[in-house]
Amino acid sequence: MKDEYLRRLNRVLDYIDTHLGEDLNHETLAAEAAFSRFHFARIFSAALGESLGAYIQRLRLERAAGYISSRPDMTITEIGLESGFSSPAVFSRAFRDHFGMSPSEWRAGGGAVYSRNCKLQSKRYYPMSIYCEATTVDSSYSVYTQQKWRVSMKTPTKKLDYTVQVEEQQEKTLAYVRHTGPYAGNEELFHALFSRLLKWAVPRQLFQAGTTEMLTIYHDSPEITEEEKLRISVCITVPPDTEVSGEIGNTVIPAGRYAVGEFLISADEYGDAWNSLFAGWLPESGYQCGEGPCYEVYLNDPEEHPDGKHQVAIHIPVVPL
C-alpha cells in the first residue's frame, strides 16, 4: 500500500476512535481521509479486511462491553447511547448479535464467561479472578506526598511487587507506528515496530535519549477483542507541530488524571502486570476507569539491566468511583 494511503487511513482511524459516540457518517469519514466518497468504503474494506460499518459497530460494542463491566455508575441505557447507538432496543439487539447475550446478562457475569470461553489473548494468563485474589494492596498517605499504594501479587508461579500513584499528566503529542494482530510476548514485534519509528525520527532529530518518551498505546481490551483485531500503537513523544507522513501517524494523549503503576518485570510478565493492576489494585483504590487510552511508558533499556528486566510505568485514566 502506498504511504499516502496509509497516512490517510491512519488519520481516519484516529478520528473514529475519538468520535466513536458521535454520528460517523460515510461522507464525514471520507472527507477526513481525503478520499472520494464514492471509493472510500472499498478502500477501507480492502485495507482493514472489514467493512467501514462493521468496524465502527464492533468498536462501539467492545467499548460498551468494557463500560458495562467497569462502570457500575452508568446504566446500560446510558452506555448504549454514549457508545453511539440510537436507542436502547437497537443497542440491545446489536449487543446480543455480537456477544451472544444481552447487556444485562453481560453485567451479571456473562462477560467473564465470554472471556474465558473465547480464544483470546487473555488465555495466556490466569483468569482475572485469580489476579484479584492474589493481589494485596496497602495504601499510605503522607503530609508531604500524595497517596501511594504498595502492591504485591502472588500466584502459584508468579510474584510481582509494584507501586501505584494517581497523578495529573500533561498532554502528550505522539508520533506512532500502528500494528493490528496478536502481540503478547512478542519482543521481536515490538523491536521491529520501534525500529521503524526511530528510523524515521532520528534523522529528523526528533529522538533525544533520556528526554523523549517511548510508549505503547493499547486501543482494545484483550478480554473482549479477538487477537487478530487487537490494535496497538508504538509511539514517541514529539513537539506539537511535528509533521508526519507515510506509515507514521500522529495523535494526542489528553491531559488528565492517571493511575501510574511502576513495575520491574521480565518480558513475559507484562500481561500479569496489567491484569494485577486492573483486577487487584483498581477495585481497592476508590477509582474506576475514565475516558482515554491506556498506555505503558518504558523507563529503561532491558539490555542494560543485569537481569534483563523491563522497568515500565503503566498508565490508566481514572475518575473517582
C-alpha atoms as a PDB file:
ATOM      1  CA  MET A   1       0.000   0.000   0.000  1.00  0.00           C
ATOM      2  CA  LYS A   2       1.306   3.439  -0.862  1.00  0.00           C
ATOM      3  CA  ASP A   3       2.483   5.572   2.058  1.00  0.00           C
ATOM      4  CA  GLU A   4      -0.048   8.279   1.266  1.00  0.00           C
ATOM      5  CA  TYR A   5      -2.936   5.829   1.500  1.00  0.00           C
ATOM      6  CA  LEU A   6      -1.650   4.567   4.842  1.00  0.00           C
ATOM      7  CA  ARG A   7      -1.302   8.101   6.191  1.00  0.00           C
ATOM      8  CA  ARG A   8      -4.891   8.916   5.265  1.00  0.00           C
ATOM      9  CA  LEU A   9      -6.246   5.675   6.723  1.00  0.00           C
ATOM     10  CA  ASN A  10      -4.363   6.280   9.978  1.00  0.00           C
ATOM     11  CA  ARG A  11      -5.962   9.707  10.142  1.00  0.00           C
ATOM     12  CA  VAL A  12      -9.492   8.371   9.737  1.00  0.00           C
ATOM     13  CA  LEU A  13      -8.904   5.530  12.221  1.00  0.00           C
ATOM     14  CA  ASP A  14      -7.779   8.087  14.797  1.00  0.00           C
ATOM     15  CA  TYR A  15     -10.864  10.178  14.027  1.00  0.00           C
ATOM     16  CA  ILE A  16     -13.159   7.189  14.559  1.00  0.00           C
ATOM     17  CA  ASP A  17     -11.503   6.406  17.905  1.00  0.00           C
ATOM     18  CA  THR A  18     -12.017   9.920  19.238  1.00  0.00           C
ATOM     19  CA  HIS A  19     -15.591  10.362  17.907  1.00  0.00           C
ATOM     20  CA  LEU A  20     -16.948   6.863  18.486  1.00  0.00           C
ATOM     21  CA  GLY A  21     -20.094   8.025  20.276  1.00  0.00           C
ATOM     22  CA  GLU A  22     -20.985  10.550  17.564  1.00  0.00           C
ATOM     23  CA  ASP A  23     -22.592  10.283  14.142  1.00  0.00           C
ATOM     24  CA  LEU A  24     -19.883   8.746  11.952  1.00  0.00           C
ATOM     25  CA  ASN A  25     -21.419   9.012   8.520  1.00  0.00           C
ATOM     26  CA  HIS A  26     -19.717   7.921   5.332  1.00  0.00           C
ATOM     27  CA  GLU A  27     -19.319  11.419   3.890  1.00  0.00           C
ATOM     28  CA  THR A  28     -17.654  12.826   7.033  1.00  0.00           C
ATOM     29  CA  LEU A  29     -15.155   9.976   7.237  1.00  0.00           C
ATOM     30  CA  ALA A  30     -14.337  10.078   3.527  1.00  0.00           C
ATOM     31  CA  ALA A  31     -13.649  13.801   3.853  1.00  0.00           C
ATOM     32  CA  GLU A  32     -11.458  13.223   6.921  1.00  0.00           C
ATOM     33  CA  ALA A  33      -9.412  10.680   4.944  1.00  0.00           C
ATOM     34  CA  ALA A  34      -9.402  12.932   1.843  1.00  0.00           C
ATOM     35  CA  PHE A  35     -10.706  10.070  -0.300  1.00  0.00           C
ATOM     36  CA  SER A  36     -13.518  10.214  -2.824  1.00  0.00           C
ATOM     37  CA  ARG A  37     -16.756   9.296  -1.057  1.00  0.00           C
ATOM     38  CA  PHE A  38     -17.533   7.011  -3.994  1.00  0.00           C
ATOM     39  CA  HIS A  39     -14.433   4.870  -3.405  1.00  0.00           C
ATOM     40  CA  PHE A  40     -13.721   5.307   0.316  1.00  0.00           C
ATOM     41  CA  ALA A  41     -15.729   2.290   1.512  1.00  0.00           C
ATOM     42  CA  ARG A  42     -13.971  -0.054  -0.917  1.00  0.00           C
ATOM     43  CA  ILE A  43     -10.521   1.322   0.004  1.00  0.00           C
ATOM     44  CA  PHE A  44     -11.293   0.939   3.714  1.00  0.00           C
ATOM     45  CA  SER A  45     -12.514  -2.655   3.351  1.00  0.00           C
ATOM     46  CA  ALA A  46      -9.533  -3.644   1.229  1.00  0.00           C
ATOM     47  CA  ALA A  47      -7.080  -2.186   3.759  1.00  0.00           C
ATOM     48  CA  LEU A  48      -8.732  -3.333   7.004  1.00  0.00           C
ATOM     49  CA  GLY A  49     -10.355  -6.575   5.900  1.00  0.00           C
ATOM     50  CA  GLU A  50     -13.587  -5.332   7.472  1.00  0.00           C
ATOM     51  CA  SER A  51     -16.277  -3.035   6.144  1.00  0.00           C
ATOM     52  CA  LEU A  52     -16.464   0.509   7.499  1.00  0.00           C
ATOM     53  CA  GLY A  53     -19.843  -0.111   9.111  1.00  0.00           C
ATOM     54  CA  ALA A  54     -18.770  -3.391  10.688  1.00  0.00           C
ATOM     55  CA  TYR A  55     -15.572  -1.810  12.034  1.00  0.00           C
ATOM     56  CA  ILE A  56     -17.420   1.075  13.709  1.00  0.00           C
ATOM     57  CA  GLN A  57     -20.132  -1.227  15.080  1.00  0.00           C
ATOM     58  CA  ARG A  58     -17.567  -3.614  16.554  1.00  0.00           C
ATOM     59  CA  LEU A  59     -15.580  -0.852  18.267  1.00  0.00           C
ATOM     60  CA  ARG A  60     -18.757   0.631  19.723  1.00  0.00           C
ATOM     61  CA  LEU A  61     -19.890  -2.721  21.067  1.00  0.00           C
ATOM     62  CA  GLU A  62     -16.478  -3.583  22.500  1.00  0.00           C
ATOM     63  CA  ARG A  63     -16.237  -0.215  24.234  1.00  0.00           C
ATOM     64  CA  ALA A  64     -19.771  -0.635  25.583  1.00  0.00           C
ATOM     65  CA  ALA A  65     -18.930  -4.115  26.911  1.00  0.00           C
ATOM     66  CA  GLY A  66     -15.934  -2.660  28.728  1.00  0.00           C
ATOM     67  CA  TYR A  67     -18.099   0.068  30.253  1.00  0.00           C
ATOM     68  CA  ILE A  68     -20.742  -2.417  31.362  1.00  0.00           C
ATOM     69  CA  SER A  69     -18.073  -4.357  33.237  1.00  0.00           C
ATOM     70  CA  SER A  70     -16.153  -1.401  34.699  1.00  0.00           C
ATOM     71  CA  ARG A  71     -18.684   1.435  35.118  1.00  0.00           C
ATOM     72  CA  PRO A  72     -21.356   0.386  37.634  1.00  0.00           C
ATOM     73  CA  ASP A  73     -22.299   4.065  37.988  1.00  0.00           C
ATOM     74  CA  MET A  74     -23.696   4.077  34.431  1.00  0.00           C
ATOM     75  CA  THR A  75     -26.957   2.409  33.414  1.00  0.00           C
ATOM     76  CA  ILE A  76     -26.988   0.134  30.395  1.00  0.00           C
ATOM     77  CA  THR A  77     -29.184   2.647  28.570  1.00  0.00           C
ATOM     78  CA  GLU A  78     -26.652   5.431  29.243  1.00  0.00           C
ATOM     79  CA  ILE A  79     -23.807   3.258  28.000  1.00  0.00           C
ATOM     80  CA  GLY A  80     -25.638   2.360  24.809  1.00  0.00           C
ATOM     81  CA  LEU A  81     -26.497   5.960  23.965  1.00  0.00           C
ATOM     82  CA  GLU A  82     -22.996   7.216  24.835  1.00  0.00           C
ATOM     83  CA  SER A  83     -21.499   4.500  22.623  1.00  0.00           C
ATOM     84  CA  GLY A  84     -23.325   5.832  19.590  1.00  0.00           C
ATOM     85  CA  PHE A  85     -26.487   3.677  19.420  1.00  0.00           C
ATOM     86  CA  SER A  86     -29.741   5.427  18.565  1.00  0.00           C
ATOM     87  CA  SER A  87     -31.951   3.639  21.123  1.00  0.00           C
ATOM     88  CA  PRO A  88     -31.781   1.015  23.906  1.00  0.00           C
ATOM     89  CA  ALA A  89     -33.517  -1.507  21.643  1.00  0.00           C
ATOM     90  CA  VAL A  90     -31.001  -1.054  18.826  1.00  0.00           C
ATOM     91  CA  PHE A  91     -28.122  -1.353  21.303  1.00  0.00           C
ATOM     92  CA  SER A  92     -29.508  -4.482  22.987  1.00  0.00           C
ATOM     93  CA  ARG A  93     -30.145  -6.233  19.671  1.00  0.00           C
ATOM     94  CA  ALA A  94     -26.681  -5.411  18.300  1.00  0.00           C
ATOM     95  CA  PHE A  95     -25.026  -6.452  21.573  1.00  0.00           C
ATOM     96  CA  ARG A  96     -26.784  -9.832  21.590  1.00  0.00           C
ATOM     97  CA  ASP A  97     -25.943 -10.447  17.934  1.00  0.00           C
ATOM     98  CA  HIS A  98     -22.247  -9.767  18.607  1.00  0.00           C
ATOM     99  CA  PHE A  99     -21.678 -11.348  22.032  1.00  0.00           C
ATOM    100  CA  GLY A 100     -24.487 -13.918  22.200  1.00  0.00           C
ATOM    101  CA  MET A 101     -26.055 -12.397  25.326  1.00  0.00           C
ATOM    102  CA  SER A 102     -27.875  -9.259  26.403  1.00  0.00           C
ATOM    103  CA  PRO A 103     -26.096  -6.303  28.042  1.00  0.00           C
ATOM    104  CA  SER A 104     -27.801  -7.187  31.334  1.00  0.00           C
ATOM    105  CA  GLU A 105     -26.530 -10.758  31.140  1.00  0.00           C
ATOM    106  CA  TRP A 106     -23.024  -9.435  30.428  1.00  0.00           C
ATOM    107  CA  ARG A 107     -23.177  -7.212  33.538  1.00  0.00           C
ATOM    108  CA  ALA A 108     -24.476 -10.103  35.647  1.00  0.00           C
ATOM    109  CA  GLY A 109     -21.337 -12.141  34.960  1.00  0.00           C
ATOM    110  CA  GLY A 110     -21.688 -13.256  31.376  1.00  0.00           C
ATOM    111  CA  GLY A 111     -18.769 -11.066  30.318  1.00  0.00           C
ATOM    112  CA  ALA A 112     -16.373 -13.051  32.472  1.00  0.00           C
ATOM    113  CA  VAL A 113     -17.690 -16.304  30.999  1.00  0.00           C
ATOM    114  CA  TYR A 114     -17.312 -14.913  27.474  1.00  0.00           C
ATOM    115  CA  SER A 115     -13.669 -14.044  28.106  1.00  0.00           C
ATOM    116  CA  ARG A 116     -12.894 -17.496  29.496  1.00  0.00           C
ATOM    117  CA  ASN A 117     -14.608 -19.335  26.661  1.00  0.00           C
ATOM    118  CA  CYS A 118     -13.207 -17.356  23.730  1.00  0.00           C
ATOM    119  CA  LYS A 119      -9.779 -17.981  22.237  1.00  0.00           C
ATOM    120  CA  LEU A 120      -8.445 -14.588  23.200  1.00  0.00           C
ATOM    121  CA  GLN A 121      -5.040 -13.274  24.123  1.00  0.00           C
ATOM    122  CA  SER A 122      -6.070 -13.207  27.795  1.00  0.00           C
ATOM    123  CA  LYS A 123      -5.929 -17.005  27.856  1.00  0.00           C
ATOM    124  CA  ARG A 124      -2.143 -16.704  28.016  1.00  0.00           C
ATOM    125  CA  TYR A 125      -2.609 -15.662  31.631  1.00  0.00           C
ATOM    126  CA  TYR A 126      -4.583 -16.719  34.712  1.00  0.00           C
ATOM    127  CA  PRO A 127      -8.313 -15.905  34.932  1.00  0.00           C
ATOM    128  CA  MET A 128      -8.896 -12.362  36.186  1.00  0.00           C
ATOM    129  CA  SER A 129     -10.488 -13.649  39.414  1.00  0.00           C
ATOM    130  CA  ILE A 130      -7.173 -15.237  40.370  1.00  0.00           C
ATOM    131  CA  TYR A 131      -5.383 -11.891  39.993  1.00  0.00           C
ATOM    132  CA  CYS A 132      -7.963 -10.297  42.269  1.00  0.00           C
ATOM    133  CA  GLU A 133      -7.476 -12.941  44.958  1.00  0.00           C
ATOM    134  CA  ALA A 134      -3.672 -12.973  44.582  1.00  0.00           C
ATOM    135  CA  THR A 135      -3.156  -9.201  44.911  1.00  0.00           C
ATOM    136  CA  THR A 136      -2.617  -7.437  48.246  1.00  0.00           C
ATOM    137  CA  VAL A 137      -2.971  -3.656  48.312  1.00  0.00           C
ATOM    138  CA  ASP A 138      -1.543  -1.427  51.063  1.00  0.00           C
ATOM    139  CA  SER A 139      -2.314   2.291  50.933  1.00  0.00           C
ATOM    140  CA  SER A 140      -0.386   5.046  52.709  1.00  0.00           C
ATOM    141  CA  TYR A 141      -0.708   8.800  52.984  1.00  0.00           C
ATOM    142  CA  SER A 142       1.882  11.407  53.914  1.00  0.00           C
ATOM    143  CA  VAL A 143       1.687  15.059  54.867  1.00  0.00           C
ATOM    144  CA  TYR A 144       4.352  15.713  52.265  1.00  0.00           C
ATOM    145  CA  THR A 145       3.428  13.364  49.437  1.00  0.00           C
ATOM    146  CA  GLN A 146       0.306  12.138  47.685  1.00  0.00           C
ATOM    147  CA  GLN A 147      -1.334   8.794  48.260  1.00  0.00           C
ATOM    148  CA  LYS A 148       0.790   5.835  47.276  1.00  0.00           C
ATOM    149  CA  TRP A 149      -0.114   2.183  47.091  1.00  0.00           C
ATOM    150  CA  ARG A 150       2.325  -0.670  47.583  1.00  0.00           C
ATOM    151  CA  VAL A 151       1.003  -3.756  45.860  1.00  0.00           C
ATOM    152  CA  SER A 152       2.071  -7.391  45.930  1.00  0.00           C
ATOM    153  CA  MET A 153       0.749 -10.149  43.688  1.00  0.00           C
ATOM    154  CA  LYS A 154       1.481 -13.809  44.340  1.00  0.00           C
ATOM    155  CA  THR A 155       0.169 -16.648  42.173  1.00  0.00           C
ATOM    156  CA  PRO A 156       1.357 -20.273  42.253  1.00  0.00           C
ATOM    157  CA  THR A 157       4.175 -19.409  39.812  1.00  0.00           C
ATOM    158  CA  LYS A 158       4.462 -15.595  39.781  1.00  0.00           C
ATOM    159  CA  LYS A 159       5.325 -12.811  42.207  1.00  0.00           C
ATOM    160  CA  LEU A 160       5.178  -9.100  41.455  1.00  0.00           C
ATOM    161  CA  ASP A 161       5.780  -6.154  43.759  1.00  0.00           C
ATOM    162  CA  TYR A 162       4.970  -2.686  42.475  1.00  0.00           C
ATOM    163  CA  THR A 163       3.776   0.782  43.451  1.00  0.00           C
ATOM    164  CA  VAL A 164       0.863   2.872  42.200  1.00  0.00           C
ATOM    165  CA  GLN A 165       0.274   6.618  42.366  1.00  0.00           C
ATOM    166  CA  VAL A 166      -2.530   8.729  40.890  1.00  0.00           C
ATOM    167  CA  GLU A 167      -1.058  11.708  39.053  1.00  0.00           C
ATOM    168  CA  GLU A 168      -2.141  14.593  36.865  1.00  0.00           C
ATOM    169  CA  GLN A 169      -0.499  14.092  33.471  1.00  0.00           C
ATOM    170  CA  GLN A 170       0.160  16.781  30.866  1.00  0.00           C
ATOM    171  CA  GLU A 171      -0.996  16.399  27.258  1.00  0.00           C
ATOM    172  CA  LYS A 172       1.395  14.374  25.104  1.00  0.00           C
ATOM    173  CA  THR A 173       1.806  14.741  21.339  1.00  0.00           C
ATOM    174  CA  LEU A 174       2.937  11.468  19.784  1.00  0.00           C
ATOM    175  CA  ALA A 175       4.242  10.035  16.544  1.00  0.00           C
ATOM    176  CA  TYR A 176       3.354   6.387  16.102  1.00  0.00           C
ATOM    177  CA  VAL A 177       3.513   3.205  14.046  1.00  0.00           C
ATOM    178  CA  ARG A 178       0.423   1.014  14.358  1.00  0.00           C
ATOM    179  CA  HIS A 179       0.041  -2.780  14.422  1.00  0.00           C
ATOM    180  CA  THR A 180      -3.104  -4.905  14.232  1.00  0.00           C
ATOM    181  CA  GLY A 181      -2.987  -8.518  15.404  1.00  0.00           C
ATOM    182  CA  PRO A 182      -1.506 -10.640  18.224  1.00  0.00           C
ATOM    183  CA  TYR A 183       1.348  -9.104  20.182  1.00  0.00           C
ATOM    184  CA  ALA A 184       1.610 -10.692  23.645  1.00  0.00           C
ATOM    185  CA  GLY A 185       5.132 -11.851  24.488  1.00  0.00           C
ATOM    186  CA  ASN A 186       6.437 -10.979  21.016  1.00  0.00           C
ATOM    187  CA  GLU A 187       9.592  -8.960  21.767  1.00  0.00           C
ATOM    188  CA  GLU A 188      10.695  -9.143  18.139  1.00  0.00           C
ATOM    189  CA  LEU A 189       7.470  -7.453  17.014  1.00  0.00           C
ATOM    190  CA  PHE A 190       7.884  -4.518  19.396  1.00  0.00           C
ATOM    191  CA  HIS A 191      11.555  -4.191  18.491  1.00  0.00           C
ATOM    192  CA  ALA A 192      10.683  -4.097  14.781  1.00  0.00           C
ATOM    193  CA  LEU A 193       7.921  -1.517  15.281  1.00  0.00           C
ATOM    194  CA  PHE A 194      10.111   0.789  17.348  1.00  0.00           C
ATOM    195  CA  SER A 195      12.959   0.355  14.861  1.00  0.00           C
ATOM    196  CA  ARG A 196      10.701   1.571  12.044  1.00  0.00           C
ATOM    197  CA  LEU A 197       9.586   4.538  14.144  1.00  0.00           C
ATOM    198  CA  LEU A 198      13.123   5.519  15.171  1.00  0.00           C
ATOM    199  CA  LYS A 199      14.396   5.118  11.601  1.00  0.00           C
ATOM    200  CA  TRP A 200      12.008   7.959  10.776  1.00  0.00           C
ATOM    201  CA  ALA A 201      12.585  10.030  13.952  1.00  0.00           C
ATOM    202  CA  VAL A 202      16.370  10.008  14.403  1.00  0.00           C
ATOM    203  CA  PRO A 203      17.320  11.675  11.069  1.00  0.00           C
ATOM    204  CA  ARG A 204      14.766  14.399  11.872  1.00  0.00           C
ATOM    205  CA  GLN A 205      16.339  14.961  15.301  1.00  0.00           C
ATOM    206  CA  LEU A 206      13.079  14.031  16.992  1.00  0.00           C
ATOM    207  CA  PHE A 207      14.583  11.477  19.364  1.00  0.00           C
ATOM    208  CA  GLN A 208      16.695  12.537  22.332  1.00  0.00           C
ATOM    209  CA  ALA A 209      17.812   9.730  24.666  1.00  0.00           C
ATOM    210  CA  GLY A 210      16.730  10.420  28.222  1.00  0.00           C
ATOM    211  CA  THR A 211      14.187  13.060  27.156  1.00  0.00           C
ATOM    212  CA  THR A 212      11.951  11.520  24.508  1.00  0.00           C
ATOM    213  CA  GLU A 213       9.391   9.125  25.978  1.00  0.00           C
ATOM    214  CA  MET A 214       8.846   5.742  24.332  1.00  0.00           C
ATOM    215  CA  LEU A 215       5.454   4.185  24.911  1.00  0.00           C
ATOM    216  CA  THR A 216       2.796   1.827  23.610  1.00  0.00           C
ATOM    217  CA  ILE A 217      -0.929   2.602  23.462  1.00  0.00           C
ATOM    218  CA  TYR A 218      -3.335  -0.331  23.711  1.00  0.00           C
ATOM    219  CA  HIS A 219      -6.532   0.552  21.881  1.00  0.00           C
ATOM    220  CA  ASP A 220      -8.512  -2.596  22.679  1.00  0.00           C
ATOM    221  CA  SER A 221      -9.153  -4.918  25.596  1.00  0.00           C
ATOM    222  CA  PRO A 222      -7.697  -8.411  25.081  1.00  0.00           C
ATOM    223  CA  GLU A 223     -10.545  -9.681  27.277  1.00  0.00           C
ATOM    224  CA  ILE A 224     -13.075  -8.665  24.598  1.00  0.00           C
ATOM    225  CA  THR A 225     -11.417  -8.185  21.200  1.00  0.00           C
ATOM    226  CA  GLU A 226     -10.246 -11.151  19.154  1.00  0.00           C
ATOM    227  CA  GLU A 227      -6.468 -11.434  18.839  1.00  0.00           C
ATOM    228  CA  GLU A 228      -6.303 -10.772  15.112  1.00  0.00           C
ATOM    229  CA  LYS A 229      -8.169  -7.460  15.595  1.00  0.00           C
ATOM    230  CA  LEU A 230      -6.215  -6.099  18.578  1.00  0.00           C
ATOM    231  CA  ARG A 231      -4.632  -2.714  17.837  1.00  0.00           C
ATOM    232  CA  ILE A 232      -1.513  -1.182  19.357  1.00  0.00           C
ATOM    233  CA  SER A 233       0.461   1.954  18.544  1.00  0.00           C
ATOM    234  CA  VAL A 234       4.151   2.200  19.448  1.00  0.00           C
ATOM    235  CA  CYS A 235       4.963   5.872  19.977  1.00  0.00           C
ATOM    236  CA  ILE A 236       7.457   8.531  20.883  1.00  0.00           C
ATOM    237  CA  THR A 237       6.701  11.990  22.236  1.00  0.00           C
ATOM    238  CA  VAL A 238       7.270  14.795  19.702  1.00  0.00           C
ATOM    239  CA  PRO A 239       6.723  18.571  19.535  1.00  0.00           C
ATOM    240  CA  PRO A 240       3.086  19.545  18.811  1.00  0.00           C
ATOM    241  CA  ASP A 241       3.843  20.920  15.323  1.00  0.00           C
ATOM    242  CA  THR A 242       5.673  17.793  14.073  1.00  0.00           C
ATOM    243  CA  GLU A 243       4.762  16.790  10.514  1.00  0.00           C
ATOM    244  CA  VAL A 244       4.308  13.088   9.774  1.00  0.00           C
ATOM    245  CA  SER A 245       3.964  11.061   6.597  1.00  0.00           C
ATOM    246  CA  GLY A 246       3.520   7.538   5.292  1.00  0.00           C
ATOM    247  CA  GLU A 247       3.037   4.887   7.945  1.00  0.00           C
ATOM    248  CA  ILE A 248       3.954   7.394  10.675  1.00  0.00           C
ATOM    249  CA  GLY A 249       0.832   8.855  12.245  1.00  0.00           C
ATOM    250  CA  ASN A 250       0.362  11.417  14.966  1.00  0.00           C
ATOM    251  CA  THR A 251      -2.063  11.621  17.857  1.00  0.00           C
ATOM    252  CA  VAL A 252      -2.517  13.265  21.236  1.00  0.00           C
ATOM    253  CA  ILE A 253      -2.974  11.725  24.682  1.00  0.00           C
ATOM    254  CA  PRO A 254      -5.095  14.248  26.578  1.00  0.00           C
ATOM    255  CA  ALA A 255      -4.090  15.732  29.893  1.00  0.00           C
ATOM    256  CA  GLY A 256      -5.856  14.197  32.854  1.00  0.00           C
ATOM    257  CA  ARG A 257      -5.681  12.038  35.941  1.00  0.00           C
ATOM    258  CA  TYR A 258      -3.931   8.700  35.527  1.00  0.00           C
ATOM    259  CA  ALA A 259      -3.115   5.816  37.824  1.00  0.00           C
ATOM    260  CA  VAL A 260       0.556   5.031  37.237  1.00  0.00           C
ATOM    261  CA  GLY A 261       1.821   1.594  38.228  1.00  0.00           C
ATOM    262  CA  GLU A 262       5.601   1.170  38.158  1.00  0.00           C
ATOM    263  CA  PHE A 263       6.916  -2.346  37.560  1.00  0.00           C
ATOM    264  CA  LEU A 264      10.240  -4.121  37.181  1.00  0.00           C
ATOM    265  CA  ILE A 265       9.367  -7.232  35.202  1.00  0.00           C
ATOM    266  CA  SER A 266      10.614  -9.772  32.703  1.00  0.00           C
ATOM    267  CA  ALA A 267       9.378  -9.734  29.109  1.00  0.00           C
ATOM    268  CA  ASP A 268       6.790 -12.454  29.761  1.00  0.00           C
ATOM    269  CA  GLU A 269       5.192 -10.655  32.749  1.00  0.00           C
ATOM    270  CA  TYR A 270       3.538  -7.705  31.007  1.00  0.00           C
ATOM    271  CA  GLY A 271       0.138  -9.393  30.945  1.00  0.00           C
ATOM    272  CA  ASP A 272       0.425 -10.273  34.643  1.00  0.00           C
ATOM    273  CA  ALA A 273       1.279  -6.648  35.465  1.00  0.00           C
ATOM    274  CA  TRP A 274      -1.722  -5.276  33.564  1.00  0.00           C
ATOM    275  CA  ASN A 275      -4.101  -7.872  34.991  1.00  0.00           C
ATOM    276  CA  SER A 276      -2.947  -7.325  38.575  1.00  0.00           C
ATOM    277  CA  LEU A 277      -3.376  -3.569  38.167  1.00  0.00           C
ATOM    278  CA  PHE A 278      -6.898  -3.899  36.754  1.00  0.00           C
ATOM    279  CA  ALA A 279      -8.209  -6.823  38.790  1.00  0.00           C
ATOM    280  CA  GLY A 280      -6.229  -6.370  42.018  1.00  0.00           C
ATOM    281  CA  TRP A 281      -5.416  -2.701  42.590  1.00  0.00           C
ATOM    282  CA  LEU A 282      -8.286  -0.909  40.820  1.00  0.00           C
ATOM    283  CA  PRO A 283     -11.198  -2.435  42.824  1.00  0.00           C
ATOM    284  CA  GLU A 284      -9.423  -1.470  46.084  1.00  0.00           C
ATOM    285  CA  SER A 285      -8.426   2.047  45.024  1.00  0.00           C
ATOM    286  CA  GLY A 286     -11.622   4.094  45.132  1.00  0.00           C
ATOM    287  CA  TYR A 287     -11.209   4.823  41.423  1.00  0.00           C
ATOM    288  CA  GLN A 288     -12.659   3.489  38.186  1.00  0.00           C
ATOM    289  CA  CYS A 289     -11.511   3.712  34.586  1.00  0.00           C
ATOM    290  CA  GLY A 290     -12.020   7.077  32.933  1.00  0.00           C
ATOM    291  CA  GLU A 291     -12.066   8.198  29.320  1.00  0.00           C
ATOM    292  CA  GLY A 292      -8.896   7.960  27.264  1.00  0.00           C
ATOM    293  CA  PRO A 293      -6.311   5.387  26.241  1.00  0.00           C
ATOM    294  CA  CYS A 294      -4.309   3.096  28.493  1.00  0.00           C
ATOM    295  CA  TYR A 295      -0.610   3.024  27.747  1.00  0.00           C
ATOM    296  CA  GLU A 296       2.785   1.985  29.068  1.00  0.00           C
ATOM    297  CA  VAL A 297       5.969   4.085  29.194  1.00  0.00           C
ATOM    298  CA  TYR A 298       9.360   2.364  29.027  1.00  0.00           C
ATOM    299  CA  LEU A 299      11.827   3.654  31.614  1.00  0.00           C
ATOM    300  CA  ASN A 300      14.975   1.643  30.860  1.00  0.00           C
ATOM    301  CA  ASP A 301      16.832  -0.398  28.268  1.00  0.00           C
ATOM    302  CA  PRO A 302      16.387  -4.045  29.353  1.00  0.00           C
ATOM    303  CA  GLU A 303      19.670  -4.960  27.658  1.00  0.00           C
ATOM    304  CA  GLU A 304      21.482  -2.746  30.158  1.00  0.00           C
ATOM    305  CA  HIS A 305      19.790  -4.305  33.199  1.00  0.00           C
ATOM    306  CA  PRO A 306      21.854  -7.104  34.812  1.00  0.00           C
ATOM    307  CA  ASP A 307      18.855  -9.460  34.772  1.00  0.00           C
ATOM    308  CA  GLY A 308      17.316  -8.192  31.529  1.00  0.00           C
ATOM    309  CA  LYS A 309      14.390  -6.671  33.430  1.00  0.00           C
ATOM    310  CA  HIS A 310      11.976  -4.134  31.956  1.00  0.00           C
ATOM    311  CA  GLN A 311      11.186  -1.019  34.010  1.00  0.00           C
ATOM    312  CA  VAL A 312       7.774   0.133  32.851  1.00  0.00           C
ATOM    313  CA  ALA A 313       5.069   2.547  34.006  1.00  0.00           C
ATOM    314  CA  ILE A 314       1.517   1.506  33.103  1.00  0.00           C
ATOM    315  CA  HIS A 315      -0.930   4.435  32.833  1.00  0.00           C
ATOM    316  CA  ILE A 316      -4.707   4.052  33.264  1.00  0.00           C
ATOM    317  CA  PRO A 317      -7.058   7.082  33.065  1.00  0.00           C
ATOM    318  CA  VAL A 318      -9.156   7.158  36.232  1.00  0.00           C
ATOM    319  CA  VAL A 319     -12.045   9.034  37.858  1.00  0.00           C
ATOM    320  CA  PRO A 320     -13.435   8.666  41.399  1.00  0.00           C
ATOM    321  CA  LEU A 321     -15.689   5.664  41.955  1.00  0.00           C
END
